[in-house]
């Protein structure tokens, strides 16, 4: 039976948890994740954890933040004047916002502070600064 190697297309079930045990994502209630390795679609530590797995193998991996979404970067926090927001938005801490970049792509943002004249948004990935734990079950190597 073969093992996963670089550039394979695989199907895997996963449950992602924080180090305190909180589950942040899981494929168990839907189809397994199908992905071709080596194309940058996965965080590096997740992809590295799949290498050498066999079909039906279960494995738990711990991914340090450096191989996941990195450290929280202070330069990704930004003040935005409330007057620059669409009128219908009433910002609250924790609220998600979407900004459209000049190239038309979208960026997910989170409101982290609300002041009288401005808000502070965070463009870091929500899992930045976190070590992650994944329970993996390899379903198929295509």
N, C-alpha and C. Protein backbone atom coordinates (compact mmCIF):
# COMPACT_ATOMS: atom_id res chain seq x y z
N UNK A 1 0.85 -1.18 0.00
CA UNK A 1 0.00 0.00 0.00
C UNK A 1 0.89 1.24 0.00
N UNK A 2 0.54 2.23 -0.82
CA UNK A 2 1.38 3.41 -0.96
C UNK A 2 1.26 4.38 0.19
N UNK A 3 2.23 5.25 0.23
CA UNK A 3 2.25 6.32 1.23
C UNK A 3 2.16 7.66 0.51
N UNK A 4 1.63 8.65 1.19
CA UNK A 4 1.51 10.00 0.63
C UNK A 4 2.90 10.57 0.38
N UNK A 5 3.06 11.15 -0.81
CA UNK A 5 4.32 11.82 -1.14
C UNK A 5 4.00 13.17 -1.77
N UNK A 6 5.01 13.99 -1.93
CA UNK A 6 4.85 15.32 -2.49
C UNK A 6 4.10 15.25 -3.82
N UNK A 7 3.23 16.21 -4.05
CA UNK A 7 2.45 16.38 -5.29
C UNK A 7 1.32 15.37 -5.47
N UNK A 8 1.09 14.46 -4.51
CA UNK A 8 -0.06 13.56 -4.58
C UNK A 8 -1.36 14.35 -4.38
N UNK A 9 -2.43 13.86 -4.97
CA UNK A 9 -3.76 14.37 -4.66
C UNK A 9 -4.36 13.39 -3.66
N UNK A 10 -4.81 13.95 -2.55
CA UNK A 10 -5.30 13.10 -1.46
C UNK A 10 -6.67 13.58 -0.98
N UNK A 11 -7.33 12.69 -0.24
CA UNK A 11 -8.56 13.06 0.47
C UNK A 11 -8.33 12.71 1.94
N UNK A 12 -8.62 13.68 2.81
CA UNK A 12 -8.32 13.50 4.23
C UNK A 12 -9.46 14.10 5.07
N UNK A 13 -9.83 13.37 6.13
CA UNK A 13 -10.72 13.94 7.14
C UNK A 13 -9.83 14.53 8.22
N UNK A 14 -10.28 15.66 8.79
CA UNK A 14 -9.48 16.32 9.81
C UNK A 14 -10.38 16.98 10.84
N UNK A 15 -9.84 17.13 12.03
CA UNK A 15 -10.43 17.98 13.05
C UNK A 15 -9.30 18.85 13.57
N UNK A 16 -9.49 20.17 13.47
CA UNK A 16 -8.49 21.13 13.93
C UNK A 16 -8.88 21.68 15.29
N UNK A 17 -7.90 21.68 16.21
CA UNK A 17 -8.15 22.15 17.58
C UNK A 17 -7.05 23.12 18.00
N UNK A 18 -7.42 23.99 18.93
CA UNK A 18 -6.42 24.83 19.59
C UNK A 18 -5.81 24.01 20.73
N UNK A 19 -4.73 24.50 21.31
CA UNK A 19 -4.06 23.74 22.36
C UNK A 19 -4.92 23.57 23.61
N UNK A 20 -5.97 24.39 23.76
CA UNK A 20 -6.87 24.24 24.91
C UNK A 20 -8.00 23.23 24.61
N UNK A 21 -7.96 22.60 23.41
CA UNK A 21 -8.94 21.59 23.05
C UNK A 21 -10.12 22.12 22.25
N UNK A 22 -10.25 23.44 22.12
CA UNK A 22 -11.37 24.02 21.37
C UNK A 22 -11.25 23.66 19.90
N UNK A 23 -12.32 23.07 19.33
CA UNK A 23 -12.35 22.70 17.91
C UNK A 23 -12.68 23.96 17.10
N UNK A 24 -11.85 24.26 16.08
CA UNK A 24 -12.12 25.42 15.23
C UNK A 24 -12.58 25.02 13.83
N UNK A 25 -12.37 23.76 13.44
CA UNK A 25 -12.84 23.30 12.13
C UNK A 25 -12.77 21.78 12.09
N UNK A 26 -13.69 21.18 11.32
CA UNK A 26 -13.68 19.74 11.16
C UNK A 26 -14.38 19.38 9.86
N UNK A 27 -13.89 18.35 9.21
CA UNK A 27 -14.52 17.86 7.98
C UNK A 27 -15.44 16.67 8.25
N UNK A 28 -15.55 16.24 9.48
CA UNK A 28 -16.25 14.99 9.78
C UNK A 28 -17.73 15.01 9.41
N UNK A 29 -18.35 16.17 9.38
CA UNK A 29 -19.77 16.27 9.03
C UNK A 29 -19.98 16.59 7.55
N UNK A 30 -18.91 16.57 6.78
CA UNK A 30 -19.00 16.84 5.34
C UNK A 30 -18.00 15.95 4.61
N UNK A 31 -17.87 16.17 3.31
CA UNK A 31 -16.92 15.37 2.54
C UNK A 31 -15.50 15.64 3.01
N UNK A 32 -14.61 14.64 2.86
CA UNK A 32 -13.21 14.88 3.22
C UNK A 32 -12.60 15.98 2.34
N UNK A 33 -11.59 16.62 2.86
CA UNK A 33 -10.84 17.62 2.11
C UNK A 33 -10.07 16.92 1.00
N UNK A 34 -10.22 17.40 -0.23
CA UNK A 34 -9.44 16.88 -1.35
C UNK A 34 -8.48 17.97 -1.78
N UNK A 35 -7.20 17.64 -1.86
CA UNK A 35 -6.19 18.64 -2.18
C UNK A 35 -4.98 17.98 -2.83
N UNK A 36 -4.32 18.73 -3.70
CA UNK A 36 -3.06 18.27 -4.28
C UNK A 36 -1.94 18.94 -3.50
N UNK A 37 -1.05 18.13 -2.96
CA UNK A 37 0.06 18.66 -2.17
C UNK A 37 1.03 19.43 -3.06
N UNK A 38 1.74 20.35 -2.46
CA UNK A 38 2.78 21.10 -3.17
C UNK A 38 2.27 22.30 -3.94
N UNK A 39 1.00 22.65 -3.78
CA UNK A 39 0.46 23.79 -4.52
C UNK A 39 0.17 24.99 -3.62
N UNK A 40 0.57 24.92 -2.36
CA UNK A 40 0.39 26.05 -1.45
C UNK A 40 -1.02 26.21 -0.92
N UNK A 41 -1.88 25.19 -1.10
CA UNK A 41 -3.26 25.30 -0.63
C UNK A 41 -3.39 25.02 0.87
N UNK A 42 -2.39 24.39 1.46
CA UNK A 42 -2.42 24.03 2.87
C UNK A 42 -1.34 24.77 3.63
N UNK A 43 -1.56 24.97 4.92
CA UNK A 43 -0.48 25.51 5.73
C UNK A 43 0.65 24.49 5.74
N UNK A 44 1.90 24.95 5.81
CA UNK A 44 3.05 24.03 5.67
C UNK A 44 3.04 22.85 6.65
N UNK A 45 2.71 23.09 7.90
CA UNK A 45 2.73 22.01 8.89
C UNK A 45 1.69 20.93 8.63
N UNK A 46 0.53 21.32 8.08
CA UNK A 46 -0.52 20.35 7.75
C UNK A 46 -0.03 19.46 6.62
N UNK A 47 0.53 20.08 5.59
CA UNK A 47 1.02 19.30 4.45
C UNK A 47 2.15 18.37 4.88
N UNK A 48 3.06 18.87 5.68
CA UNK A 48 4.18 18.04 6.16
C UNK A 48 3.67 16.85 6.97
N UNK A 49 2.60 17.06 7.73
CA UNK A 49 2.03 15.98 8.54
C UNK A 49 1.39 14.87 7.72
N UNK A 50 0.97 15.18 6.50
CA UNK A 50 0.34 14.18 5.63
C UNK A 50 1.36 13.25 4.95
N UNK A 51 2.58 13.73 4.75
CA UNK A 51 3.61 12.96 4.05
C UNK A 51 3.84 11.63 4.79
N UNK A 52 3.90 10.56 4.03
CA UNK A 52 4.15 9.19 4.51
C UNK A 52 2.94 8.53 5.19
N UNK A 53 1.78 9.21 5.21
CA UNK A 53 0.59 8.54 5.74
C UNK A 53 0.08 7.51 4.73
N UNK A 54 -0.59 6.47 5.24
CA UNK A 54 -1.20 5.45 4.40
C UNK A 54 -2.72 5.56 4.51
N UNK A 55 -3.43 5.06 3.50
CA UNK A 55 -4.89 5.08 3.51
C UNK A 55 -5.41 4.40 4.78
N UNK A 56 -6.42 5.02 5.41
CA UNK A 56 -7.06 4.59 6.66
C UNK A 56 -6.20 4.81 7.90
N UNK A 57 -5.03 5.42 7.75
CA UNK A 57 -4.20 5.72 8.91
C UNK A 57 -4.77 6.93 9.64
N UNK A 58 -4.73 6.87 10.98
CA UNK A 58 -5.11 7.99 11.84
C UNK A 58 -3.85 8.55 12.47
N UNK A 59 -3.81 9.87 12.62
CA UNK A 59 -2.61 10.50 13.14
C UNK A 59 -3.01 11.83 13.77
N UNK A 60 -2.37 12.19 14.86
CA UNK A 60 -2.55 13.51 15.46
C UNK A 60 -1.23 14.26 15.32
N UNK A 61 -1.32 15.48 14.77
CA UNK A 61 -0.12 16.29 14.59
C UNK A 61 -0.29 17.61 15.33
N UNK A 62 0.81 18.13 15.83
CA UNK A 62 0.83 19.46 16.43
C UNK A 62 1.65 20.36 15.52
N UNK A 63 1.06 21.46 15.12
CA UNK A 63 1.71 22.37 14.18
C UNK A 63 2.06 23.65 14.93
N UNK A 64 3.36 23.95 15.05
CA UNK A 64 3.72 25.21 15.69
C UNK A 64 3.26 26.39 14.83
N UNK A 65 2.97 27.51 15.48
CA UNK A 65 2.43 28.67 14.77
C UNK A 65 3.29 29.09 13.58
N UNK A 66 4.59 28.84 13.66
CA UNK A 66 5.49 29.21 12.56
C UNK A 66 5.20 28.41 11.29
N UNK A 67 4.61 27.20 11.44
CA UNK A 67 4.25 26.36 10.29
C UNK A 67 2.75 26.39 10.03
N UNK A 68 2.06 27.31 10.72
CA UNK A 68 0.61 27.46 10.53
C UNK A 68 0.37 28.86 9.95
N UNK A 69 -0.17 29.76 10.76
CA UNK A 69 -0.49 31.10 10.25
C UNK A 69 0.46 32.17 10.78
N UNK A 70 1.56 31.73 11.40
CA UNK A 70 2.60 32.67 11.84
C UNK A 70 2.23 33.44 13.09
N UNK A 71 3.10 34.35 13.44
CA UNK A 71 2.90 35.23 14.59
C UNK A 71 1.85 36.28 14.25
N UNK A 72 1.25 36.87 15.28
CA UNK A 72 0.39 38.02 15.08
C UNK A 72 1.29 39.18 14.69
N UNK A 73 0.98 39.81 13.57
CA UNK A 73 1.81 40.91 13.06
C UNK A 73 1.13 42.25 13.37
N UNK A 74 1.84 43.07 14.13
CA UNK A 74 1.30 44.37 14.56
C UNK A 74 0.97 45.28 13.38
N UNK A 75 1.73 45.16 12.30
CA UNK A 75 1.48 46.04 11.14
C UNK A 75 0.15 45.72 10.44
N UNK A 76 -0.49 44.62 10.83
CA UNK A 76 -1.78 44.27 10.23
C UNK A 76 -2.96 44.81 11.05
N UNK A 77 -2.66 45.60 12.08
CA UNK A 77 -3.70 46.34 12.81
C UNK A 77 -3.73 47.75 12.21
N UNK A 78 -4.92 48.28 12.02
CA UNK A 78 -5.03 49.57 11.35
C UNK A 78 -6.23 50.34 11.90
N UNK A 79 -6.04 51.67 12.05
CA UNK A 79 -7.15 52.54 12.42
C UNK A 79 -7.92 52.91 11.17
N UNK A 80 -9.24 52.92 11.30
CA UNK A 80 -10.10 53.35 10.20
C UNK A 80 -11.10 54.35 10.79
N UNK A 81 -11.18 55.52 10.17
CA UNK A 81 -12.16 56.51 10.63
C UNK A 81 -13.56 55.98 10.40
N UNK A 82 -14.42 56.17 11.39
CA UNK A 82 -15.80 55.72 11.23
C UNK A 82 -16.46 56.37 10.02
N UNK A 83 -16.04 57.59 9.71
CA UNK A 83 -16.62 58.29 8.56
C UNK A 83 -16.27 57.61 7.23
N UNK A 84 -15.25 56.72 7.23
CA UNK A 84 -14.86 56.00 6.02
C UNK A 84 -15.65 54.70 5.85
N UNK A 85 -16.43 54.33 6.85
CA UNK A 85 -17.21 53.09 6.78
C UNK A 85 -18.54 53.35 6.09
N UNK A 86 -19.09 52.32 5.44
CA UNK A 86 -20.44 52.46 4.88
C UNK A 86 -21.42 52.83 6.00
N UNK A 87 -22.38 53.68 5.68
CA UNK A 87 -23.31 54.22 6.67
C UNK A 87 -24.07 53.14 7.44
N UNK A 88 -24.38 52.01 6.75
CA UNK A 88 -25.21 50.99 7.39
C UNK A 88 -24.43 50.12 8.39
N UNK A 89 -23.13 50.30 8.48
CA UNK A 89 -22.33 49.48 9.39
C UNK A 89 -22.23 50.15 10.76
N UNK A 90 -22.61 49.38 11.79
CA UNK A 90 -22.48 49.82 13.17
C UNK A 90 -21.43 48.91 13.80
N UNK A 91 -20.15 49.31 13.77
CA UNK A 91 -19.08 48.39 14.18
C UNK A 91 -19.13 48.01 15.66
N UNK A 92 -18.84 46.72 15.91
CA UNK A 92 -18.74 46.19 17.26
C UNK A 92 -17.50 45.31 17.34
N UNK A 93 -16.89 45.23 18.51
CA UNK A 93 -15.71 44.39 18.71
C UNK A 93 -16.08 42.95 18.36
N UNK A 94 -15.24 42.31 17.56
CA UNK A 94 -15.45 40.93 17.14
C UNK A 94 -16.15 40.81 15.80
N UNK A 95 -16.72 41.90 15.32
CA UNK A 95 -17.44 41.88 14.04
C UNK A 95 -16.46 41.62 12.90
N UNK A 96 -16.87 40.81 11.95
CA UNK A 96 -16.07 40.57 10.76
C UNK A 96 -16.43 41.57 9.67
N UNK A 97 -15.44 42.04 8.97
CA UNK A 97 -15.63 42.94 7.83
C UNK A 97 -14.86 42.37 6.65
N UNK A 98 -15.25 42.76 5.46
CA UNK A 98 -14.55 42.34 4.25
C UNK A 98 -14.12 43.60 3.51
N UNK A 99 -12.84 43.66 3.18
CA UNK A 99 -12.32 44.77 2.38
C UNK A 99 -11.98 44.24 0.99
N UNK A 100 -12.23 45.06 -0.02
CA UNK A 100 -11.87 44.68 -1.38
C UNK A 100 -10.55 45.35 -1.73
N UNK A 101 -9.58 44.54 -2.11
CA UNK A 101 -8.26 45.06 -2.48
C UNK A 101 -8.33 45.68 -3.88
N UNK A 102 -7.32 46.47 -4.25
CA UNK A 102 -7.30 47.08 -5.58
C UNK A 102 -7.40 46.06 -6.72
N UNK A 103 -6.88 44.83 -6.50
CA UNK A 103 -6.94 43.81 -7.56
C UNK A 103 -8.29 43.08 -7.59
N UNK A 104 -9.22 43.48 -6.71
CA UNK A 104 -10.55 42.88 -6.69
C UNK A 104 -10.70 41.72 -5.72
N UNK A 105 -9.58 41.22 -5.18
CA UNK A 105 -9.67 40.14 -4.21
C UNK A 105 -10.18 40.69 -2.87
N UNK A 106 -10.70 39.78 -2.04
CA UNK A 106 -11.25 40.20 -0.77
C UNK A 106 -10.35 39.81 0.38
N UNK A 107 -10.38 40.63 1.43
CA UNK A 107 -9.59 40.35 2.63
C UNK A 107 -10.52 40.38 3.84
N UNK A 108 -10.42 39.33 4.65
CA UNK A 108 -11.23 39.25 5.87
C UNK A 108 -10.56 40.08 6.96
N UNK A 109 -11.36 40.89 7.65
CA UNK A 109 -10.88 41.74 8.73
C UNK A 109 -11.75 41.51 9.96
N UNK A 110 -11.20 41.86 11.11
CA UNK A 110 -11.95 41.74 12.36
C UNK A 110 -11.82 43.05 13.12
N UNK A 111 -12.94 43.54 13.66
CA UNK A 111 -12.93 44.75 14.48
C UNK A 111 -12.42 44.36 15.86
N UNK A 112 -11.35 45.03 16.33
CA UNK A 112 -10.79 44.70 17.64
C UNK A 112 -10.96 45.82 18.66
N UNK A 113 -11.32 47.03 18.19
CA UNK A 113 -11.55 48.14 19.12
C UNK A 113 -12.45 49.16 18.43
N UNK A 114 -13.34 49.76 19.24
CA UNK A 114 -14.25 50.78 18.71
C UNK A 114 -14.11 52.02 19.59
N UNK A 115 -13.70 53.13 18.98
CA UNK A 115 -13.58 54.42 19.67
C UNK A 115 -14.63 55.36 19.11
N UNK A 116 -14.68 56.56 19.65
CA UNK A 116 -15.70 57.51 19.19
C UNK A 116 -15.55 57.88 17.72
N UNK A 117 -14.31 58.15 17.29
CA UNK A 117 -14.08 58.63 15.93
C UNK A 117 -13.55 57.56 14.97
N UNK A 118 -13.01 56.45 15.52
CA UNK A 118 -12.40 55.44 14.66
C UNK A 118 -12.59 54.04 15.24
N UNK A 119 -12.28 53.05 14.40
CA UNK A 119 -12.22 51.67 14.85
C UNK A 119 -10.82 51.15 14.56
N UNK A 120 -10.45 50.06 15.21
CA UNK A 120 -9.19 49.38 14.91
C UNK A 120 -9.56 48.02 14.33
N UNK A 121 -9.00 47.73 13.14
CA UNK A 121 -9.25 46.45 12.50
C UNK A 121 -7.97 45.62 12.51
N UNK A 122 -8.16 44.32 12.46
CA UNK A 122 -7.06 43.36 12.47
C UNK A 122 -7.17 42.51 11.21
N UNK A 123 -6.11 42.54 10.39
CA UNK A 123 -6.09 41.76 9.15
C UNK A 123 -5.32 40.45 9.31
N UNK A 124 -4.87 40.14 10.52
CA UNK A 124 -4.21 38.85 10.76
C UNK A 124 -5.23 37.73 10.57
N UNK A 125 -4.75 36.56 10.16
CA UNK A 125 -5.63 35.39 10.13
C UNK A 125 -6.11 35.15 11.57
N UNK A 126 -7.37 34.76 11.76
CA UNK A 126 -7.87 34.54 13.12
C UNK A 126 -7.06 33.52 13.93
N UNK A 127 -6.34 32.62 13.27
CA UNK A 127 -5.54 31.62 13.98
C UNK A 127 -4.06 32.01 14.08
N UNK A 128 -3.71 33.22 13.66
CA UNK A 128 -2.31 33.67 13.79
C UNK A 128 -1.92 33.67 15.27
N UNK A 129 -0.68 33.30 15.52
CA UNK A 129 -0.18 33.28 16.89
C UNK A 129 -0.54 32.03 17.67
N UNK A 130 -1.21 31.06 17.03
CA UNK A 130 -1.68 29.86 17.72
C UNK A 130 -0.95 28.62 17.21
N UNK A 131 -0.56 27.75 18.13
CA UNK A 131 -0.15 26.40 17.75
C UNK A 131 -1.44 25.62 17.52
N UNK A 132 -1.45 24.74 16.52
CA UNK A 132 -2.66 24.02 16.13
C UNK A 132 -2.46 22.52 16.25
N UNK A 133 -3.53 21.82 16.58
CA UNK A 133 -3.51 20.35 16.67
C UNK A 133 -4.53 19.83 15.67
N UNK A 134 -4.14 18.85 14.86
CA UNK A 134 -5.05 18.25 13.89
C UNK A 134 -5.08 16.75 14.08
N UNK A 135 -6.30 16.20 14.15
CA UNK A 135 -6.51 14.76 14.07
C UNK A 135 -6.78 14.47 12.60
N UNK A 136 -5.99 13.62 11.99
CA UNK A 136 -6.08 13.31 10.56
C UNK A 136 -6.46 11.86 10.34
N UNK A 137 -7.28 11.61 9.32
CA UNK A 137 -7.56 10.26 8.83
C UNK A 137 -7.43 10.31 7.32
N UNK A 138 -6.45 9.63 6.78
CA UNK A 138 -6.26 9.61 5.33
C UNK A 138 -7.30 8.70 4.70
N UNK A 139 -8.11 9.25 3.80
CA UNK A 139 -9.21 8.51 3.17
C UNK A 139 -8.76 7.89 1.84
N UNK A 140 -7.97 8.64 1.06
CA UNK A 140 -7.63 8.17 -0.29
C UNK A 140 -6.39 8.89 -0.80
N UNK A 141 -5.59 8.15 -1.55
CA UNK A 141 -4.52 8.73 -2.37
C UNK A 141 -4.96 8.50 -3.79
N UNK A 142 -5.14 9.57 -4.57
CA UNK A 142 -5.66 9.42 -5.94
C UNK A 142 -4.55 9.16 -6.92
